[in-house]
Amino acid sequence: TANASALLPTVVSRFQVVAFMPPRGDEVARWLEESEGFSAIEAARLAKESWGRPGLAVRLARDEEFRARIAAAREFLALTASARKGFLKTLVADDTFALVPFVEAVILVCAWELERQKSTSAFQRFHRVVELRRRLETAPLNPKIQLEYIAGSGNARI
């Protein structure tokens, strides 16, 4: 697990921590070419966008639902706070909408923004979204309250 603090001390005491680093980008690109059949250019792009995580690279390329969530996250982040409420109402109207995967797509888009911009505002936005994701996990709220928080009502804003 990436969150050892969530495990009981009696469980932690019986295990040894083994940290795995993601493979280098060139290794991921080579694997994507050789094993997954991507072109060299596409493999290099996917390796860069996935930060050396092969599973994420494949999802970015082949998982239509995942890519649709990322597109929705990009559209959401480009809107003003007032326009976000209407956008979220449209998303929620779809019976398949799930809040946590959507927020995780927003985190991914914010991380890409942060990597490109390296600005204080991008950094703050990324951390606000990560904090929102943490809150969704530890304090499940009414979905309406969660969506209002995401949309930027009150003092909260993304």
C-alpha atoms as a PDB file:
ATOM      1  CA  THR A   1       0.000   0.000   0.000  1.00  0.00           C
ATOM      2  CA  ALA A   2       1.066   3.572  -0.528  1.00  0.00           C
ATOM      3  CA  ASN A   3      -0.568   4.508   2.771  1.00  0.00           C
ATOM      4  CA  ALA A   4       1.130   2.454   5.493  1.00  0.00           C
ATOM      5  CA  SER A   5      -0.311   4.742   8.179  1.00  0.00           C
ATOM      6  CA  ALA A   6      -3.751   3.313   7.373  1.00  0.00           C
ATOM      7  CA  LEU A   7      -2.625  -0.176   8.433  1.00  0.00           C
ATOM      8  CA  LEU A   8      -2.902  -1.464  11.965  1.00  0.00           C
ATOM      9  CA  PRO A   9       0.391  -1.454  13.913  1.00  0.00           C
ATOM     10  CA  THR A  10       0.099  -5.213  14.411  1.00  0.00           C
ATOM     11  CA  VAL A  11       0.017  -5.671  10.634  1.00  0.00           C
ATOM     12  CA  VAL A  12       2.857  -3.219   9.975  1.00  0.00           C
ATOM     13  CA  SER A  13       5.077  -4.951  12.522  1.00  0.00           C
ATOM     14  CA  ARG A  14       4.930  -8.189  10.531  1.00  0.00           C
ATOM     15  CA  PHE A  15       6.026  -6.763   7.193  1.00  0.00           C
ATOM     16  CA  GLN A  16       9.099  -5.204   5.699  1.00  0.00           C
ATOM     17  CA  VAL A  17       8.789  -2.087   3.568  1.00  0.00           C
ATOM     18  CA  VAL A  18       9.982  -2.563   0.008  1.00  0.00           C
ATOM     19  CA  ALA A  19       9.887   0.582  -2.112  1.00  0.00           C
ATOM     20  CA  PHE A  20       9.612   0.324  -5.867  1.00  0.00           C
ATOM     21  CA  MET A  21      10.611   3.194  -8.082  1.00  0.00           C
ATOM     22  CA  PRO A  22       8.927   3.612 -11.440  1.00  0.00           C
ATOM     23  CA  PRO A  23      11.055   2.551 -14.400  1.00  0.00           C
ATOM     24  CA  ARG A  24      12.837   5.239 -16.395  1.00  0.00           C
ATOM     25  CA  GLY A  25      10.868   6.866 -19.192  1.00  0.00           C
ATOM     26  CA  ASP A  26      13.041   5.347 -21.916  1.00  0.00           C
ATOM     27  CA  GLU A  27      12.452   1.860 -20.462  1.00  0.00           C
ATOM     28  CA  VAL A  28       8.691   2.424 -20.439  1.00  0.00           C
ATOM     29  CA  ALA A  29       8.790   3.769 -24.004  1.00  0.00           C
ATOM     30  CA  ARG A  30      10.759   0.737 -25.178  1.00  0.00           C
ATOM     31  CA  TRP A  31       8.303  -1.617 -23.426  1.00  0.00           C
ATOM     32  CA  LEU A  32       5.337   0.209 -24.977  1.00  0.00           C
ATOM     33  CA  GLU A  33       6.893  -0.202 -28.423  1.00  0.00           C
ATOM     34  CA  GLU A  34       7.979  -3.825 -28.062  1.00  0.00           C
ATOM     35  CA  SER A  35       5.162  -5.297 -25.980  1.00  0.00           C
ATOM     36  CA  GLU A  36       2.200  -3.061 -26.702  1.00  0.00           C
ATOM     37  CA  GLY A  37       2.861  -2.166 -30.340  1.00  0.00           C
ATOM     38  CA  PHE A  38       2.951   1.632 -30.065  1.00  0.00           C
ATOM     39  CA  SER A  39       4.996   3.734 -32.470  1.00  0.00           C
ATOM     40  CA  ALA A  40       8.195   5.245 -31.083  1.00  0.00           C
ATOM     41  CA  ILE A  41       6.675   8.740 -31.029  1.00  0.00           C
ATOM     42  CA  GLU A  42       3.459   7.604 -29.309  1.00  0.00           C
ATOM     43  CA  ALA A  43       5.413   5.456 -26.829  1.00  0.00           C
ATOM     44  CA  ALA A  44       7.679   8.380 -25.882  1.00  0.00           C
ATOM     45  CA  ARG A  45       4.669  10.683 -25.387  1.00  0.00           C
ATOM     46  CA  LEU A  46       2.826   8.119 -23.261  1.00  0.00           C
ATOM     47  CA  ALA A  47       5.928   7.385 -21.170  1.00  0.00           C
ATOM     48  CA  LYS A  48       6.348  11.097 -20.461  1.00  0.00           C
ATOM     49  CA  GLU A  49       2.671  11.699 -19.633  1.00  0.00           C
ATOM     50  CA  SER A  50       2.569   8.669 -17.326  1.00  0.00           C
ATOM     51  CA  TRP A  51       5.746   9.569 -15.393  1.00  0.00           C
ATOM     52  CA  GLY A  52       7.190   6.127 -16.022  1.00  0.00           C
ATOM     53  CA  ARG A  53       4.110   4.177 -14.954  1.00  0.00           C
ATOM     54  CA  PRO A  54       3.397   1.550 -17.628  1.00  0.00           C
ATOM     55  CA  GLY A  55      -0.166   0.829 -16.489  1.00  0.00           C
ATOM     56  CA  LEU A  56      -1.078   4.499 -16.626  1.00  0.00           C
ATOM     57  CA  ALA A  57       0.513   4.782 -20.072  1.00  0.00           C
ATOM     58  CA  VAL A  58      -1.628   1.943 -21.414  1.00  0.00           C
ATOM     59  CA  ARG A  59      -4.775   3.389 -19.819  1.00  0.00           C
ATOM     60  CA  LEU A  60      -4.056   6.775 -21.368  1.00  0.00           C
ATOM     61  CA  ALA A  61      -3.815   5.121 -24.769  1.00  0.00           C
ATOM     62  CA  ARG A  62      -6.531   2.497 -24.668  1.00  0.00           C
ATOM     63  CA  ASP A  63      -9.123   3.132 -21.943  1.00  0.00           C
ATOM     64  CA  GLU A  64     -11.880   5.202 -23.560  1.00  0.00           C
ATOM     65  CA  GLU A  65     -13.720   5.777 -20.278  1.00  0.00           C
ATOM     66  CA  PHE A  66     -10.517   6.960 -18.582  1.00  0.00           C
ATOM     67  CA  ARG A  67      -9.756   9.343 -21.453  1.00  0.00           C
ATOM     68  CA  ALA A  68     -13.333  10.655 -21.334  1.00  0.00           C
ATOM     69  CA  ARG A  69     -12.910  11.435 -17.609  1.00  0.00           C
ATOM     70  CA  ILE A  70      -9.656  13.251 -18.338  1.00  0.00           C
ATOM     71  CA  ALA A  71     -11.352  15.264 -21.097  1.00  0.00           C
ATOM     72  CA  ALA A  72     -14.187  16.133 -18.696  1.00  0.00           C
ATOM     73  CA  ALA A  73     -11.639  17.138 -16.037  1.00  0.00           C
ATOM     74  CA  ARG A  74      -9.845  19.417 -18.507  1.00  0.00           C
ATOM     75  CA  GLU A  75     -13.150  20.999 -19.542  1.00  0.00           C
ATOM     76  CA  PHE A  76     -14.169  21.432 -15.896  1.00  0.00           C
ATOM     77  CA  LEU A  77     -10.888  23.116 -14.942  1.00  0.00           C
ATOM     78  CA  ALA A  78     -11.132  25.519 -17.883  1.00  0.00           C
ATOM     79  CA  LEU A  79     -14.520  26.823 -16.688  1.00  0.00           C
ATOM     80  CA  THR A  80     -15.192  29.666 -14.297  1.00  0.00           C
ATOM     81  CA  ALA A  81     -16.436  28.743 -10.828  1.00  0.00           C
ATOM     82  CA  SER A  82     -19.985  29.781 -11.729  1.00  0.00           C
ATOM     83  CA  ALA A  83     -20.000  27.673 -14.905  1.00  0.00           C
ATOM     84  CA  ARG A  84     -18.715  24.605 -13.057  1.00  0.00           C
ATOM     85  CA  LYS A  85     -22.012  24.022 -11.246  1.00  0.00           C
ATOM     86  CA  GLY A  86     -23.898  23.566 -14.501  1.00  0.00           C
ATOM     87  CA  PHE A  87     -21.149  21.360 -15.881  1.00  0.00           C
ATOM     88  CA  LEU A  88     -21.249  19.118 -12.803  1.00  0.00           C
ATOM     89  CA  LYS A  89     -25.049  18.868 -13.019  1.00  0.00           C
ATOM     90  CA  THR A  90     -24.601  17.571 -16.558  1.00  0.00           C
ATOM     91  CA  LEU A  91     -22.047  15.004 -15.398  1.00  0.00           C
ATOM     92  CA  VAL A  92     -24.221  13.820 -12.515  1.00  0.00           C
ATOM     93  CA  ALA A  93     -27.191  13.364 -14.843  1.00  0.00           C
ATOM     94  CA  ASP A  94     -25.324  10.385 -16.295  1.00  0.00           C
ATOM     95  CA  ASP A  95     -26.123   7.332 -14.144  1.00  0.00           C
ATOM     96  CA  THR A  96     -22.560   6.049 -14.558  1.00  0.00           C
ATOM     97  CA  PHE A  97     -20.934   9.161 -13.042  1.00  0.00           C
ATOM     98  CA  ALA A  98     -18.642   8.412 -10.100  1.00  0.00           C
ATOM     99  CA  LEU A  99     -17.218  11.303  -8.102  1.00  0.00           C
ATOM    100  CA  VAL A 100     -13.931   9.789  -6.901  1.00  0.00           C
ATOM    101  CA  PRO A 101     -12.698   8.701 -10.364  1.00  0.00           C
ATOM    102  CA  PHE A 102     -13.617  12.150 -11.677  1.00  0.00           C
ATOM    103  CA  VAL A 103     -11.639  13.876  -8.916  1.00  0.00           C
ATOM    104  CA  GLU A 104      -8.710  11.549  -9.616  1.00  0.00           C
ATOM    105  CA  ALA A 105      -8.824  12.624 -13.286  1.00  0.00           C
ATOM    106  CA  VAL A 106      -8.815  16.260 -12.120  1.00  0.00           C
ATOM    107  CA  ILE A 107      -5.720  15.482 -10.014  1.00  0.00           C
ATOM    108  CA  LEU A 108      -3.965  14.004 -13.031  1.00  0.00           C
ATOM    109  CA  VAL A 109      -4.758  17.035 -15.192  1.00  0.00           C
ATOM    110  CA  CYS A 110      -3.621  19.389 -12.403  1.00  0.00           C
ATOM    111  CA  ALA A 111      -0.370  17.428 -12.083  1.00  0.00           C
ATOM    112  CA  TRP A 112       0.265  17.826 -15.822  1.00  0.00           C
ATOM    113  CA  GLU A 113      -0.476  21.562 -15.476  1.00  0.00           C
ATOM    114  CA  LEU A 114       1.940  21.816 -12.571  1.00  0.00           C
ATOM    115  CA  GLU A 115       4.634  20.032 -14.544  1.00  0.00           C
ATOM    116  CA  ARG A 116       4.197  22.476 -17.458  1.00  0.00           C
ATOM    117  CA  GLN A 117       3.668  25.728 -15.577  1.00  0.00           C
ATOM    118  CA  LYS A 118       5.634  25.272 -12.342  1.00  0.00           C
ATOM    119  CA  SER A 119       3.746  28.240 -10.938  1.00  0.00           C
ATOM    120  CA  THR A 120       2.514  28.934  -7.433  1.00  0.00           C
ATOM    121  CA  SER A 121      -1.104  28.979  -8.612  1.00  0.00           C
ATOM    122  CA  ALA A 122      -0.744  25.578 -10.333  1.00  0.00           C
ATOM    123  CA  PHE A 123       0.910  24.196  -7.195  1.00  0.00           C
ATOM    124  CA  GLN A 124      -1.868  25.533  -4.958  1.00  0.00           C
ATOM    125  CA  ARG A 125      -4.581  24.207  -7.276  1.00  0.00           C
ATOM    126  CA  PHE A 126      -2.975  20.753  -7.337  1.00  0.00           C
ATOM    127  CA  HIS A 127      -2.804  20.622  -3.542  1.00  0.00           C
ATOM    128  CA  ARG A 128      -6.414  21.780  -3.145  1.00  0.00           C
ATOM    129  CA  VAL A 129      -7.574  18.944  -5.398  1.00  0.00           C
ATOM    130  CA  VAL A 130      -5.396  16.362  -3.617  1.00  0.00           C
ATOM    131  CA  GLU A 131      -6.805  17.555  -0.289  1.00  0.00           C
ATOM    132  CA  LEU A 132     -10.330  17.235  -1.693  1.00  0.00           C
ATOM    133  CA  ARG A 133      -9.575  13.651  -2.747  1.00  0.00           C
ATOM    134  CA  ARG A 134      -8.286  12.874   0.743  1.00  0.00           C
ATOM    135  CA  ARG A 135     -11.435  14.311   2.279  1.00  0.00           C
ATOM    136  CA  LEU A 136     -13.641  12.260  -0.017  1.00  0.00           C
ATOM    137  CA  GLU A 137     -11.901   9.140   1.263  1.00  0.00           C
ATOM    138  CA  THR A 138     -11.926   9.928   4.969  1.00  0.00           C
ATOM    139  CA  ALA A 139     -15.225  11.769   5.391  1.00  0.00           C
ATOM    140  CA  PRO A 140     -17.827  10.656   2.886  1.00  0.00           C
ATOM    141  CA  LEU A 141     -20.255  13.503   2.579  1.00  0.00           C
ATOM    142  CA  ASN A 142     -23.544  13.874   0.837  1.00  0.00           C
ATOM    143  CA  PRO A 143     -22.736  13.919  -2.925  1.00  0.00           C
ATOM    144  CA  LYS A 144     -24.529  17.268  -3.311  1.00  0.00           C
ATOM    145  CA  ILE A 145     -22.229  18.841  -0.704  1.00  0.00           C
ATOM    146  CA  GLN A 146     -19.187  17.279  -2.355  1.00  0.00           C
ATOM    147  CA  LEU A 147     -20.182  18.634  -5.755  1.00  0.00           C
ATOM    148  CA  GLU A 148     -20.809  22.113  -4.375  1.00  0.00           C
ATOM    149  CA  TYR A 149     -17.361  22.018  -2.804  1.00  0.00           C
ATOM    150  CA  ILE A 150     -15.797  20.968  -6.089  1.00  0.00           C
ATOM    151  CA  ALA A 151     -17.693  23.600  -8.043  1.00  0.00           C
ATOM    152  CA  GLY A 152     -16.223  26.309  -5.863  1.00  0.00           C
ATOM    153  CA  SER A 153     -19.124  27.512  -3.761  1.00  0.00           C
ATOM    154  CA  GLY A 154     -18.373  29.171  -0.468  1.00  0.00           C
ATOM    155  CA  ASN A 155     -14.702  29.452   0.499  1.00  0.00           C
ATOM    156  CA  ALA A 156     -13.630  26.304  -1.335  1.00  0.00           C
ATOM    157  CA  ARG A 157     -12.368  26.518  -4.874  1.00  0.00           C
ATOM    158  CA  ILE A 158     -10.280  24.489  -7.260  1.00  0.00           C
END
